[in-house]
Protein backbone atom coordinates (compact mmCIF):
# COMPACT_ATOMS: atom_id res chain seq x y z
CA UNK A 1 -130.74 24.04 75.15
CA UNK A 2 -134.47 23.46 74.78
CA UNK A 3 -137.03 25.50 76.73
CA UNK A 4 -138.18 22.43 78.66
CA UNK A 5 -134.60 21.59 79.72
CA UNK A 6 -133.92 24.95 81.38
CA UNK A 7 -133.87 24.71 85.17
CA UNK A 8 -133.25 27.54 87.60
CA UNK A 9 -131.28 26.84 90.76
CA UNK A 10 -132.92 27.04 94.16
CA UNK A 11 -131.84 30.07 96.13
CA UNK A 12 -129.84 28.71 99.08
CA UNK A 13 -127.48 31.35 100.39
CA UNK A 14 -126.66 35.00 99.85
CA UNK A 15 -123.17 33.98 98.73
CA UNK A 16 -124.58 31.59 96.12
CA UNK A 17 -126.94 34.26 94.74
CA UNK A 18 -124.62 37.28 94.89
CA UNK A 19 -121.18 35.77 94.29
CA UNK A 20 -121.85 32.40 92.65
CA UNK A 21 -122.29 31.39 89.03
CA UNK A 22 -125.69 29.68 89.39
CA UNK A 23 -128.77 31.27 87.84
CA UNK A 24 -131.32 31.53 90.66
CA UNK A 25 -133.69 34.36 89.71
CA UNK A 26 -135.97 35.84 92.34
CA UNK A 27 -139.49 36.37 91.06
CA UNK A 28 -141.78 38.66 93.07
CA UNK A 29 -145.00 37.68 94.84
CA UNK A 30 -146.78 37.76 91.44
CA UNK A 31 -144.19 35.47 89.86
CA UNK A 32 -142.57 38.31 87.89
CA UNK A 33 -139.10 39.77 87.49
CA UNK A 34 -138.55 43.28 86.02
CA UNK A 35 -136.64 43.59 82.75
CA UNK A 36 -134.78 46.68 81.51
CA UNK A 37 -134.17 46.60 77.75
CA UNK A 38 -131.60 48.80 76.01
CA UNK A 39 -130.19 49.06 72.50
CA UNK A 40 -126.98 47.05 72.27
CA UNK A 41 -124.99 49.60 70.29
CA UNK A 42 -126.23 52.96 71.60
CA UNK A 43 -127.26 51.99 75.14
CA UNK A 44 -130.56 53.84 74.65
CA UNK A 45 -133.30 52.70 77.01
CA UNK A 46 -135.99 51.06 74.87
CA UNK A 47 -138.45 49.65 77.37
CA UNK A 48 -139.08 48.18 80.81
CA UNK A 49 -141.22 45.08 81.14
CA UNK A 50 -141.64 41.91 83.13
CA UNK A 51 -140.97 38.22 82.67
CA UNK A 52 -142.51 35.29 84.44
CA UNK A 53 -140.63 31.98 84.58
CA UNK A 54 -141.98 30.86 81.20
CA UNK A 55 -141.01 34.11 79.45
CA UNK A 56 -137.55 34.01 81.08
CA UNK A 57 -136.93 30.46 79.90
CA UNK A 58 -138.22 31.16 76.37
CA UNK A 59 -135.92 34.19 76.16
CA UNK A 60 -132.95 32.04 77.20
CA UNK A 61 -133.83 29.24 74.78
CA UNK A 62 -134.68 31.40 71.74
CA UNK A 63 -132.26 34.31 72.08
CA UNK A 64 -135.13 36.75 71.49
CA UNK A 65 -137.12 38.69 74.09
CA UNK A 66 -140.31 37.30 75.57
CA UNK A 67 -142.25 39.24 78.18
CA UNK A 68 -145.24 38.72 80.43
CA UNK A 69 -148.11 41.15 79.88
CA UNK A 70 -149.59 42.14 83.21
CA UNK A 71 -152.71 43.56 81.55
CA UNK A 72 -153.37 40.57 79.28
CA UNK A 73 -151.97 37.98 81.71
CA UNK A 74 -149.99 36.13 79.04
CA UNK A 75 -146.49 35.59 77.67
CA UNK A 76 -145.78 37.45 74.44
CA UNK A 77 -142.93 37.22 71.96
CA UNK A 78 -141.75 40.77 71.27
CA UNK A 79 -142.04 41.30 67.52
CA UNK A 80 -144.39 38.39 66.75
CA UNK A 81 -147.06 40.81 65.51
CA UNK A 82 -144.96 43.78 64.40
CA UNK A 83 -141.86 42.02 63.06
CA UNK A 84 -139.76 44.21 65.38
CA UNK A 85 -138.02 41.34 67.18
CA UNK A 86 -135.58 42.04 69.98
CA UNK A 87 -132.55 39.81 69.34
CA UNK A 88 -130.54 39.36 72.53
CA UNK A 89 -126.91 40.42 72.20
CA UNK A 90 -126.28 40.23 75.93
CA UNK A 91 -128.37 39.35 78.96
CA UNK A 92 -127.37 40.34 82.49
CA UNK A 93 -128.87 39.80 85.90
CA UNK A 94 -128.31 42.07 88.90
CA UNK A 95 -126.46 41.22 92.12
CA UNK A 96 -129.37 39.66 93.99
CA UNK A 97 -130.87 38.21 90.79
CA UNK A 98 -134.19 40.04 90.97
CA UNK A 99 -133.84 42.23 87.85
CA UNK A 100 -132.80 41.42 84.27
CA UNK A 101 -131.05 43.69 81.76
CA UNK A 102 -131.40 42.84 78.07
CA UNK A 103 -129.09 44.45 75.54
CA UNK A 104 -130.75 43.93 72.17
CA UNK A 105 -130.68 44.63 68.47
CA UNK A 106 -134.18 45.30 67.15
CA UNK A 107 -135.08 44.10 63.65
CA UNK A 108 -136.97 46.21 61.11
CA UNK A 109 -137.25 49.91 61.90
CA UNK A 110 -135.54 49.38 65.24
CA UNK A 111 -138.57 50.54 67.22
CA UNK A 112 -139.64 48.91 70.46
CA UNK A 113 -142.67 50.96 71.44
CA UNK A 114 -146.12 49.77 70.36
CA UNK A 115 -147.13 53.44 69.97
CA UNK A 116 -144.66 53.70 67.07
CA UNK A 117 -141.71 55.47 68.66
CA UNK A 118 -138.26 53.91 68.85
CA UNK A 119 -138.23 53.92 72.66
CA UNK A 120 -141.12 53.67 75.10
CA UNK A 121 -139.47 56.62 76.88
CA UNK A 122 -140.28 59.27 74.28
CA UNK A 123 -141.29 62.08 76.69
CA UNK A 124 -139.53 63.93 79.47
CA UNK A 125 -141.12 64.91 82.78
CA UNK A 126 -140.26 68.35 84.16
CA UNK A 127 -138.94 68.43 87.71
CA UNK A 128 -137.19 70.63 90.23
CA UNK A 129 -136.51 74.15 88.91
CA UNK A 130 -138.53 73.42 85.76
CA UNK A 131 -141.65 73.27 87.93
CA UNK A 132 -140.90 76.32 90.07
CA UNK A 133 -143.32 78.64 88.25
CA UNK A 134 -145.45 76.03 86.49
CA UNK A 135 -149.20 75.79 87.03
CA UNK A 136 -149.33 72.17 85.86
CA UNK A 137 -147.04 69.42 84.61
CA UNK A 138 -146.58 69.16 80.84
CA UNK A 139 -144.64 66.34 79.23
CA UNK A 140 -142.17 67.20 76.46
CA UNK A 141 -141.58 64.92 73.47
CA UNK A 142 -137.96 63.99 72.85
CA UNK A 143 -138.82 61.83 69.84
CA UNK A 144 -140.55 63.93 67.21
CA UNK A 145 -141.34 61.24 64.68
CA UNK A 146 -142.71 57.72 64.90
CA UNK A 147 -140.72 54.98 63.21
CA UNK A 148 -143.84 53.06 62.19
CA UNK A 149 -147.61 53.50 62.08
CA UNK A 150 -149.20 51.34 64.80
CA UNK A 151 -152.53 51.21 62.91
CA UNK A 152 -150.79 49.61 59.92
CA UNK A 153 -148.95 47.13 62.13
CA UNK A 154 -151.56 46.23 64.73
CA UNK A 155 -154.81 47.25 63.03
CA UNK A 156 -157.63 49.29 64.48
CA UNK A 157 -157.63 47.91 67.99
CA UNK A 158 -160.03 49.11 70.66
CA UNK A 159 -157.31 49.61 73.29
CA UNK A 160 -153.78 49.75 71.80
CA UNK A 161 -152.15 50.09 75.22
CA UNK A 162 -153.02 46.45 75.89
CA UNK A 163 -150.94 45.23 72.93
């Protein structure tokens, strides 16, 4: 199906949305829907992002992940710059159709984080008993090595977090 042919159903009833087989995504007041992306084989959480209607439809049509950048205010094709495309193996939507789960296989080094780590969740946050005697909160790295050098992939950008 072509991108332009994809139509979402109007949300009519709770039964239609929660128990039916019609795709009727609920975008928030900014026109966005959150997306959780995991590795298809391992289940590892790779990233969390957002899609607007255009990104959602492009993802459906192409079978690769497209997201909406809230900082840059544009749709981006994951991997277009880095070559680390997220090929969709399975796409799910939650019960009230306001959150998407992508299960993907990433090309190249398998990384999904623009900082160079495999997952965007490369640090842990101490909590509970871990903070009992702490004076401040220190993050702990759970990934010790980057899978690619972001400077080689993206160049010397002024603000790499906006990539």
